[in-house]
């Protein structure tokens, strides 16, 4: 079983590749998980994968009206300029 807390810990320590694998594994069974879509979007933004970041962050915002998710999407757009 995958553990979101492990993914967050990996993400926070800069182990983006392993964190991304866990996020994707979670999303494979829970594609409408706004929280994980947001986290994966942040990770993609941090690793300059902006088109992927935009996809996941937009999905998070569409699934749940959350000001943090919207702010993260705005930051993603800002970083692309």
Protein backbone atom coordinates (compact mmCIF):
# COMPACT_ATOMS: atom_id res chain seq x y z
CA UNK A 1 0.00 0.00 0.00
CA UNK A 2 1.30 3.44 -0.90
CA UNK A 3 1.72 6.05 1.78
CA UNK A 4 1.03 9.71 1.02
CA UNK A 5 3.11 10.73 4.04
CA UNK A 6 6.12 8.90 2.62
CA UNK A 7 5.63 10.69 -0.71
CA UNK A 8 5.41 14.06 1.03
CA UNK A 9 8.56 13.29 3.03
CA UNK A 10 10.43 12.30 -0.14
CA UNK A 11 9.13 15.41 -1.90
CA UNK A 12 10.21 17.69 0.96
CA UNK A 13 13.68 16.13 1.03
CA UNK A 14 14.15 16.72 -2.70
CA UNK A 15 13.72 13.11 -3.79
CA UNK A 16 11.35 14.18 -6.55
CA UNK A 17 11.60 11.04 -8.69
CA UNK A 18 10.47 8.67 -5.93
CA UNK A 19 7.81 11.07 -4.69
CA UNK A 20 6.44 11.40 -8.21
CA UNK A 21 6.18 7.62 -8.53
CA UNK A 22 4.09 7.42 -5.37
CA UNK A 23 1.87 10.34 -6.37
CA UNK A 24 1.23 8.69 -9.74
CA UNK A 25 0.51 5.37 -8.08
CA UNK A 26 -2.07 7.02 -5.83
CA UNK A 27 -3.64 8.84 -8.77
CA UNK A 28 -3.90 5.60 -10.74
CA UNK A 29 -6.48 4.40 -8.22
CA UNK A 30 -7.78 7.82 -7.12
CA UNK A 31 -7.62 10.10 -10.18
CA UNK A 32 -9.98 12.63 -8.59
CA UNK A 33 -7.87 13.16 -5.49
CA UNK A 34 -7.45 16.94 -5.55
CA UNK A 35 -4.81 16.94 -2.82
CA UNK A 36 -2.50 14.54 -4.67
CA UNK A 37 -3.08 16.28 -8.01
CA UNK A 38 -1.99 19.50 -6.31
CA UNK A 39 1.11 17.89 -4.79
CA UNK A 40 2.12 16.36 -8.10
CA UNK A 41 1.53 19.69 -9.81
CA UNK A 42 3.80 21.39 -7.30
CA UNK A 43 6.49 18.78 -7.82
CA UNK A 44 6.31 19.21 -11.60
CA UNK A 45 6.50 22.97 -11.20
CA UNK A 46 9.54 22.63 -8.95
CA UNK A 47 11.24 20.48 -11.56
CA UNK A 48 10.32 22.87 -14.41
CA UNK A 49 7.90 20.43 -16.04
CA UNK A 50 5.44 23.26 -16.46
CA UNK A 51 2.99 21.68 -18.90
CA UNK A 52 2.58 18.68 -16.58
CA UNK A 53 2.38 21.00 -13.58
CA UNK A 54 -0.35 23.02 -15.23
CA UNK A 55 -2.32 19.86 -16.03
CA UNK A 56 -2.28 18.53 -12.46
CA UNK A 57 -2.82 21.92 -10.82
CA UNK A 58 -5.76 22.74 -13.09
CA UNK A 59 -7.27 19.37 -12.26
CA UNK A 60 -6.86 20.00 -8.53
CA UNK A 61 -8.62 23.38 -8.85
CA UNK A 62 -11.42 21.86 -10.93
CA UNK A 63 -11.95 19.10 -8.37
CA UNK A 64 -11.88 21.32 -5.30
CA UNK A 65 -12.19 25.06 -4.98
CA UNK A 66 -9.21 25.66 -2.74
CA UNK A 67 -7.34 28.94 -2.63
CA UNK A 68 -4.00 27.18 -2.09
CA UNK A 69 -4.45 25.10 -5.23
CA UNK A 70 -5.41 28.20 -7.19
CA UNK A 71 -2.40 30.07 -5.83
CA UNK A 72 -0.11 27.19 -6.84
CA UNK A 73 -1.54 27.30 -10.37
CA UNK A 74 -0.90 31.06 -10.50
CA UNK A 75 2.68 30.55 -9.36
CA UNK A 76 3.13 27.92 -12.06
CA UNK A 77 1.97 30.40 -14.69
CA UNK A 78 4.26 33.08 -13.24
CA UNK A 79 7.31 30.80 -13.32
CA UNK A 80 6.76 30.04 -16.99
CA UNK A 81 7.31 33.68 -17.98
